[in-house]
């Protein structure tokens, strides 16, 4: 999560993907680097390095469903 400052309004950014994986999301590596640079400049980054609760719950539900 990081906050982007727009004047007095702060916008939090949250992602499940580490920055190293962003090149899979954005096809152009230069664009990926520019976006990461822009949103992280003078910001505090917090990495929890934990699995998403929602992701785990969804995977559990998928495994519990009978095959169709």
PDB file of N, CA and C in Angstrom:
ATOM      1  N   UNK A   1       0.852  -1.178   0.000  1.00  0.00           N
ATOM      2  CA  UNK A   1       0.000   0.000   0.000  1.00  0.00           C
ATOM      3  C   UNK A   1       0.889   1.228   0.000  1.00  0.00           C
ATOM      4  N   UNK A   2       0.520   2.213  -0.779  1.00  0.00           N
ATOM      5  CA  UNK A   2       1.194   3.508  -0.698  1.00  0.00           C
ATOM      6  C   UNK A   2       0.142   4.578  -0.947  1.00  0.00           C
ATOM      7  N   UNK A   3       0.391   5.775  -0.503  1.00  0.00           N
ATOM      8  CA  UNK A   3      -0.549   6.875  -0.674  1.00  0.00           C
ATOM      9  C   UNK A   3       0.013   7.863  -1.679  1.00  0.00           C
ATOM     10  N   UNK A   4      -0.811   8.231  -2.633  1.00  0.00           N
ATOM     11  CA  UNK A   4      -0.435   9.225  -3.623  1.00  0.00           C
ATOM     12  C   UNK A   4      -1.049  10.544  -3.184  1.00  0.00           C
ATOM     13  N   UNK A   5      -0.226  11.554  -3.047  1.00  0.00           N
ATOM     14  CA  UNK A   5      -0.660  12.860  -2.566  1.00  0.00           C
ATOM     15  C   UNK A   5      -1.127  13.731  -3.727  1.00  0.00           C
ATOM     16  N   UNK A   6      -2.379  14.120  -3.731  1.00  0.00           N
ATOM     17  CA  UNK A   6      -2.921  15.059  -4.716  1.00  0.00           C
ATOM     18  C   UNK A   6      -3.338  16.312  -3.948  1.00  0.00           C
ATOM     19  N   UNK A   7      -2.391  17.195  -3.732  1.00  0.00           N
ATOM     20  CA  UNK A   7      -2.692  18.364  -2.907  1.00  0.00           C
ATOM     21  C   UNK A   7      -2.867  17.921  -1.474  1.00  0.00           C
ATOM     22  N   UNK A   8      -4.077  18.022  -0.972  1.00  0.00           N
ATOM     23  CA  UNK A   8      -4.352  17.612   0.406  1.00  0.00           C
ATOM     24  C   UNK A   8      -5.039  16.257   0.488  1.00  0.00           C
ATOM     25  N   UNK A   9      -5.415  15.701  -0.640  1.00  0.00           N
ATOM     26  CA  UNK A   9      -6.114  14.423  -0.647  1.00  0.00           C
ATOM     27  C   UNK A   9      -5.103  13.307  -0.873  1.00  0.00           C
ATOM     28  N   UNK A  10      -5.149  12.300  -0.040  1.00  0.00           N
ATOM     29  CA  UNK A  10      -4.260  11.146  -0.212  1.00  0.00           C
ATOM     30  C   UNK A  10      -5.070   9.957  -0.705  1.00  0.00           C
ATOM     31  N   UNK A  11      -4.560   9.313  -1.720  1.00  0.00           N
ATOM     32  CA  UNK A  11      -5.220   8.152  -2.298  1.00  0.00           C
ATOM     33  C   UNK A  11      -4.396   6.905  -2.013  1.00  0.00           C
ATOM     34  N   UNK A  12      -4.933   5.960  -1.245  1.00  0.00           N
ATOM     35  CA  UNK A  12      -4.158   4.742  -0.982  1.00  0.00           C
ATOM     36  C   UNK A  12      -4.171   3.809  -2.189  1.00  0.00           C
ATOM     37  N   UNK A  13      -3.053   3.163  -2.410  1.00  0.00           N
ATOM     38  CA  UNK A  13      -2.917   2.148  -3.458  1.00  0.00           C
ATOM     39  C   UNK A  13      -2.601   0.837  -2.771  1.00  0.00           C
ATOM     40  N   UNK A  14      -3.352  -0.182  -3.109  1.00  0.00           N
ATOM     41  CA  UNK A  14      -3.128  -1.498  -2.530  1.00  0.00           C
ATOM     42  C   UNK A  14      -3.023  -2.499  -3.668  1.00  0.00           C
ATOM     43  N   UNK A  15      -2.055  -3.386  -3.594  1.00  0.00           N
ATOM     44  CA  UNK A  15      -1.901  -4.404  -4.625  1.00  0.00           C
ATOM     45  C   UNK A  15      -1.488  -5.726  -3.997  1.00  0.00           C
ATOM     46  N   UNK A  16      -1.937  -6.816  -4.610  1.00  0.00           N
ATOM     47  CA  UNK A  16      -1.525  -8.147  -4.174  1.00  0.00           C
ATOM     48  C   UNK A  16      -0.236  -8.576  -4.864  1.00  0.00           C
ATOM     49  N   UNK A  17       0.160  -7.837  -5.888  1.00  0.00           N
ATOM     50  CA  UNK A  17       1.355  -8.195  -6.660  1.00  0.00           C
ATOM     51  C   UNK A  17       2.548  -7.362  -6.228  1.00  0.00           C
ATOM     52  N   UNK A  18       3.700  -7.986  -6.046  1.00  0.00           N
ATOM     53  CA  UNK A  18       4.907  -7.204  -5.751  1.00  0.00           C
ATOM     54  C   UNK A  18       5.325  -6.418  -6.993  1.00  0.00           C
ATOM     55  N   UNK A  19       6.091  -5.364  -6.794  1.00  0.00           N
ATOM     56  CA  UNK A  19       6.511  -4.548  -7.935  1.00  0.00           C
ATOM     57  C   UNK A  19       7.243  -5.375  -8.987  1.00  0.00           C
ATOM     58  N   UNK A  20       7.965  -6.380  -8.565  1.00  0.00           N
ATOM     59  CA  UNK A  20       8.714  -7.216  -9.514  1.00  0.00           C
ATOM     60  C   UNK A  20       7.793  -7.963 -10.477  1.00  0.00           C
ATOM     61  N   UNK A  21       6.539  -8.151 -10.111  1.00  0.00           N
ATOM     62  CA  UNK A  21       5.585  -8.862 -10.965  1.00  0.00           C
ATOM     63  C   UNK A  21       4.761  -7.936 -11.847  1.00  0.00           C
ATOM     64  N   UNK A  22       4.931  -6.632 -11.702  1.00  0.00           N
ATOM     65  CA  UNK A  22       4.122  -5.697 -12.469  1.00  0.00           C
ATOM     66  C   UNK A  22       4.374  -5.774 -13.965  1.00  0.00           C
ATOM     67  N   UNK A  23       5.549  -6.260 -14.385  1.00  0.00           N
ATOM     68  CA  UNK A  23       5.803  -6.353 -15.817  1.00  0.00           C
ATOM     69  C   UNK A  23       4.887  -7.372 -16.485  1.00  0.00           C
ATOM     70  N   UNK A  24       4.268  -8.255 -15.711  1.00  0.00           N
ATOM     71  CA  UNK A  24       3.269  -9.184 -16.260  1.00  0.00           C
ATOM     72  C   UNK A  24       1.926  -8.486 -16.468  1.00  0.00           C
ATOM     73  N   UNK A  25       1.694  -7.416 -15.727  1.00  0.00           N
ATOM     74  CA  UNK A  25       0.439  -6.671 -15.834  1.00  0.00           C
ATOM     75  C   UNK A  25       0.535  -5.619 -16.934  1.00  0.00           C
ATOM     76  N   UNK A  26       1.633  -4.866 -16.930  1.00  0.00           N
ATOM     77  CA  UNK A  26       1.856  -3.837 -17.937  1.00  0.00           C
ATOM     78  C   UNK A  26       2.836  -4.390 -18.963  1.00  0.00           C
ATOM     79  N   UNK A  27       2.432  -4.432 -20.220  1.00  0.00           N
ATOM     80  CA  UNK A  27       3.236  -5.072 -21.266  1.00  0.00           C
ATOM     81  C   UNK A  27       4.575  -4.372 -21.503  1.00  0.00           C
ATOM     82  N   UNK A  28       4.626  -3.076 -21.329  1.00  0.00           N
ATOM     83  CA  UNK A  28       5.841  -2.310 -21.613  1.00  0.00           C
ATOM     84  C   UNK A  28       6.647  -2.128 -20.333  1.00  0.00           C
ATOM     85  N   UNK A  29       7.871  -2.669 -20.263  1.00  0.00           N
ATOM     86  CA  UNK A  29       8.683  -2.528 -19.050  1.00  0.00           C
ATOM     87  C   UNK A  29       8.978  -1.070 -18.684  1.00  0.00           C
ATOM     88  N   UNK A  30       9.138  -0.215 -19.696  1.00  0.00           N
ATOM     89  CA  UNK A  30       9.379   1.205 -19.431  1.00  0.00           C
ATOM     90  C   UNK A  30       8.176   1.857 -18.771  1.00  0.00           C
ATOM     91  N   UNK A  31       6.986   1.522 -19.243  1.00  0.00           N
ATOM     92  CA  UNK A  31       5.754   2.043 -18.646  1.00  0.00           C
ATOM     93  C   UNK A  31       5.611   1.541 -17.217  1.00  0.00           C
ATOM     94  N   UNK A  32       5.918   0.274 -17.009  1.00  0.00           N
ATOM     95  CA  UNK A  32       5.850  -0.320 -15.672  1.00  0.00           C
ATOM     96  C   UNK A  32       6.776   0.418 -14.711  1.00  0.00           C
ATOM     97  N   UNK A  33       8.008   0.656 -15.141  1.00  0.00           N
ATOM     98  CA  UNK A  33       8.971   1.365 -14.290  1.00  0.00           C
ATOM     99  C   UNK A  33       8.524   2.791 -14.017  1.00  0.00           C
ATOM    100  N   UNK A  34       7.958   3.461 -15.026  1.00  0.00           N
ATOM    101  CA  UNK A  34       7.501   4.846 -14.851  1.00  0.00           C
ATOM    102  C   UNK A  34       6.342   4.927 -13.862  1.00  0.00           C
ATOM    103  N   UNK A  35       5.410   3.990 -13.950  1.00  0.00           N
ATOM    104  CA  UNK A  35       4.260   3.987 -13.030  1.00  0.00           C
ATOM    105  C   UNK A  35       4.738   3.726 -11.603  1.00  0.00           C
ATOM    106  N   UNK A  36       5.591   2.713 -11.430  1.00  0.00           N
ATOM    107  CA  UNK A  36       6.108   2.399 -10.090  1.00  0.00           C
ATOM    108  C   UNK A  36       6.883   3.577  -9.518  1.00  0.00           C
ATOM    109  N   UNK A  37       7.691   4.234 -10.354  1.00  0.00           N
ATOM    110  CA  UNK A  37       8.464   5.397  -9.905  1.00  0.00           C
ATOM    111  C   UNK A  37       7.550   6.537  -9.485  1.00  0.00           C
ATOM    112  N   UNK A  38       6.528   6.778 -10.280  1.00  0.00           N
ATOM    113  CA  UNK A  38       5.608   7.891 -10.009  1.00  0.00           C
ATOM    114  C   UNK A  38       4.835   7.706  -8.703  1.00  0.00           C
ATOM    115  N   UNK A  39       4.334   6.502  -8.462  1.00  0.00           N
ATOM    116  CA  UNK A  39       3.492   6.312  -7.274  1.00  0.00           C
ATOM    117  C   UNK A  39       4.295   6.061  -6.003  1.00  0.00           C
ATOM    118  N   UNK A  40       5.597   5.783  -6.129  1.00  0.00           N
ATOM    119  CA  UNK A  40       6.393   5.523  -4.932  1.00  0.00           C
ATOM    120  C   UNK A  40       7.336   6.658  -4.561  1.00  0.00           C
ATOM    121  N   UNK A  41       7.422   7.691  -5.378  1.00  0.00           N
ATOM    122  CA  UNK A  41       8.336   8.802  -5.112  1.00  0.00           C
ATOM    123  C   UNK A  41       7.944   9.509  -3.815  1.00  0.00           C
ATOM    124  N   UNK A  42       8.868   9.588  -2.880  1.00  0.00           N
ATOM    125  CA  UNK A  42       8.667  10.230  -1.568  1.00  0.00           C
ATOM    126  C   UNK A  42       7.500   9.623  -0.789  1.00  0.00           C
ATOM    127  N   UNK A  43       7.338   8.326  -0.868  1.00  0.00           N
ATOM    128  CA  UNK A  43       6.236   7.643  -0.178  1.00  0.00           C
ATOM    129  C   UNK A  43       6.785   6.586   0.756  1.00  0.00           C
ATOM    130  N   UNK A  44       5.963   6.137   1.645  1.00  0.00           N
ATOM    131  CA  UNK A  44       6.298   5.037   2.532  1.00  0.00           C
ATOM    132  C   UNK A  44       5.595   3.789   2.015  1.00  0.00           C
ATOM    133  N   UNK A  45       6.362   2.744   1.776  1.00  0.00           N
ATOM    134  CA  UNK A  45       5.790   1.491   1.299  1.00  0.00           C
ATOM    135  C   UNK A  45       5.698   0.516   2.460  1.00  0.00           C
ATOM    136  N   UNK A  46       4.593  -0.191   2.527  1.00  0.00           N
ATOM    137  CA  UNK A  46       4.388  -1.195   3.558  1.00  0.00           C
ATOM    138  C   UNK A  46       4.139  -2.517   2.855  1.00  0.00           C
ATOM    139  N   UNK A  47       5.024  -3.472   3.065  1.00  0.00           N
ATOM    140  CA  UNK A  47       4.843  -4.799   2.513  1.00  0.00           C
ATOM    141  C   UNK A  47       4.568  -5.758   3.653  1.00  0.00           C
ATOM    142  N   UNK A  48       3.435  -6.430   3.584  1.00  0.00           N
ATOM    143  CA  UNK A  48       3.081  -7.358   4.649  1.00  0.00           C
ATOM    144  C   UNK A  48       3.604  -8.756   4.389  1.00  0.00           C
ATOM    145  N   UNK A  49       3.842  -9.092   3.128  1.00  0.00           N
ATOM    146  CA  UNK A  49       4.354 -10.423   2.743  1.00  0.00           C
ATOM    147  C   UNK A  49       3.471 -11.534   3.297  1.00  0.00           C
ATOM    148  N   UNK A  50       2.169 -11.309   3.278  1.00  0.00           N
ATOM    149  CA  UNK A  50       1.226 -12.323   3.733  1.00  0.00           C
ATOM    150  C   UNK A  50       0.272 -12.655   2.593  1.00  0.00           C
ATOM    151  N   UNK A  51      -0.339 -13.822   2.680  1.00  0.00           N
ATOM    152  CA  UNK A  51      -1.334 -14.208   1.700  1.00  0.00           C
ATOM    153  C   UNK A  51      -2.637 -13.439   1.959  1.00  0.00           C
ATOM    154  N   UNK A  52      -3.313 -13.119   0.902  1.00  0.00           N
ATOM    155  CA  UNK A  52      -4.588 -12.425   1.003  1.00  0.00           C
ATOM    156  C   UNK A  52      -5.642 -13.359   1.598  1.00  0.00           C
ATOM    157  N   UNK A  53      -6.367 -12.870   2.590  1.00  0.00           N
ATOM    158  CA  UNK A  53      -7.445 -13.660   3.193  1.00  0.00           C
ATOM    159  C   UNK A  53      -8.501 -13.969   2.149  1.00  0.00           C
ATOM    160  N   UNK A  54      -8.854 -12.990   1.320  1.00  0.00           N
ATOM    161  CA  UNK A  54      -9.874 -13.195   0.290  1.00  0.00           C
ATOM    162  C   UNK A  54      -9.439 -14.249  -0.723  1.00  0.00           C
ATOM    163  N   UNK A  55      -8.166 -14.208  -1.104  1.00  0.00           N
ATOM    164  CA  UNK A  55      -7.640 -15.197  -2.045  1.00  0.00           C
ATOM    165  C   UNK A  55      -7.718 -16.591  -1.442  1.00  0.00           C
ATOM    166  N   UNK A  56      -7.308 -16.733  -0.196  1.00  0.00           N
ATOM    167  CA  UNK A  56      -7.356 -18.035   0.465  1.00  0.00           C
ATOM    168  C   UNK A  56      -8.788 -18.550   0.576  1.00  0.00           C
ATOM    169  N   UNK A  57      -9.738 -17.677   0.912  1.00  0.00           N
ATOM    170  CA  UNK A  57     -11.135 -18.077   1.044  1.00  0.00           C
ATOM    171  C   UNK A  57     -11.700 -18.523  -0.304  1.00  0.00           C
ATOM    172  N   UNK A  58     -11.360 -17.795  -1.371  1.00  0.00           N
ATOM    173  CA  UNK A  58     -11.836 -18.159  -2.707  1.00  0.00           C
ATOM    174  C   UNK A  58     -11.277 -19.506  -3.131  1.00  0.00           C
ATOM    175  N   UNK A  59      -9.983 -19.731  -2.910  1.00  0.00           N
ATOM    176  CA  UNK A  59      -9.370 -21.016  -3.254  1.00  0.00           C
ATOM    177  C   UNK A  59     -10.015 -22.156  -2.466  1.00  0.00           C
ATOM    178  N   UNK A  60     -10.308 -21.939  -1.195  1.00  0.00           N
ATOM    179  CA  UNK A  60     -10.950 -22.951  -0.373  1.00  0.00           C
ATOM    180  C   UNK A  60     -12.335 -23.277  -0.915  1.00  0.00           C
ATOM    181  N   UNK A  61     -13.099 -22.261  -1.305  1.00  0.00           N
ATOM    182  CA  UNK A  61     -14.445 -22.463  -1.856  1.00  0.00           C
ATOM    183  C   UNK A  61     -14.373 -23.208  -3.175  1.00  0.00           C
ATOM    184  N   UNK A  62     -13.409 -22.888  -4.011  1.00  0.00           N
ATOM    185  CA  UNK A  62     -13.264 -23.586  -5.303  1.00  0.00           C
ATOM    186  C   UNK A  62     -12.949 -25.055  -5.094  1.00  0.00           C
ATOM    187  N   UNK A  63     -12.116 -25.357  -4.125  1.00  0.00           N
ATOM    188  CA  UNK A  63     -11.735 -26.743  -3.866  1.00  0.00           C
ATOM    189  C   UNK A  63     -12.899 -27.536  -3.255  1.00  0.00           C
ATOM    190  N   UNK A  64     -13.786 -26.855  -2.538  1.00  0.00           N
ATOM    191  CA  UNK A  64     -14.915 -27.511  -1.889  1.00  0.00           C
ATOM    192  C   UNK A  64     -16.062 -27.791  -2.864  1.00  0.00           C
ATOM    193  N   UNK A  65     -16.112 -27.073  -3.996  1.00  0.00           N
ATOM    194  CA  UNK A  65     -17.183 -27.260  -4.966  1.00  0.00           C
ATOM    195  C   UNK A  65     -16.986 -28.580  -5.714  1.00  0.00           C
ATOM    196  N   UNK A  66     -18.090 -29.309  -5.937  1.00  0.00           N
ATOM    197  CA  UNK A  66     -17.965 -30.547  -6.718  1.00  0.00           C
ATOM    198  C   UNK A  66     -17.695 -30.207  -8.196  1.00  0.00           C
ATOM    199  N   UNK A  67     -16.926 -31.048  -8.905  1.00  0.00           N
ATOM    200  CA  UNK A  67     -16.661 -30.781 -10.324  1.00  0.00           C
ATOM    201  C   UNK A  67     -17.948 -30.856 -11.135  1.00  0.00           C
ATOM    202  N   UNK A  68     -18.024 -30.043 -12.147  1.00  0.00           N
ATOM    203  CA  UNK A  68     -19.253 -30.026 -12.977  1.00  0.00           C
ATOM    204  C   UNK A  68     -19.047 -30.795 -14.258  1.00  0.00           C
TER     205      UNK A  68
END
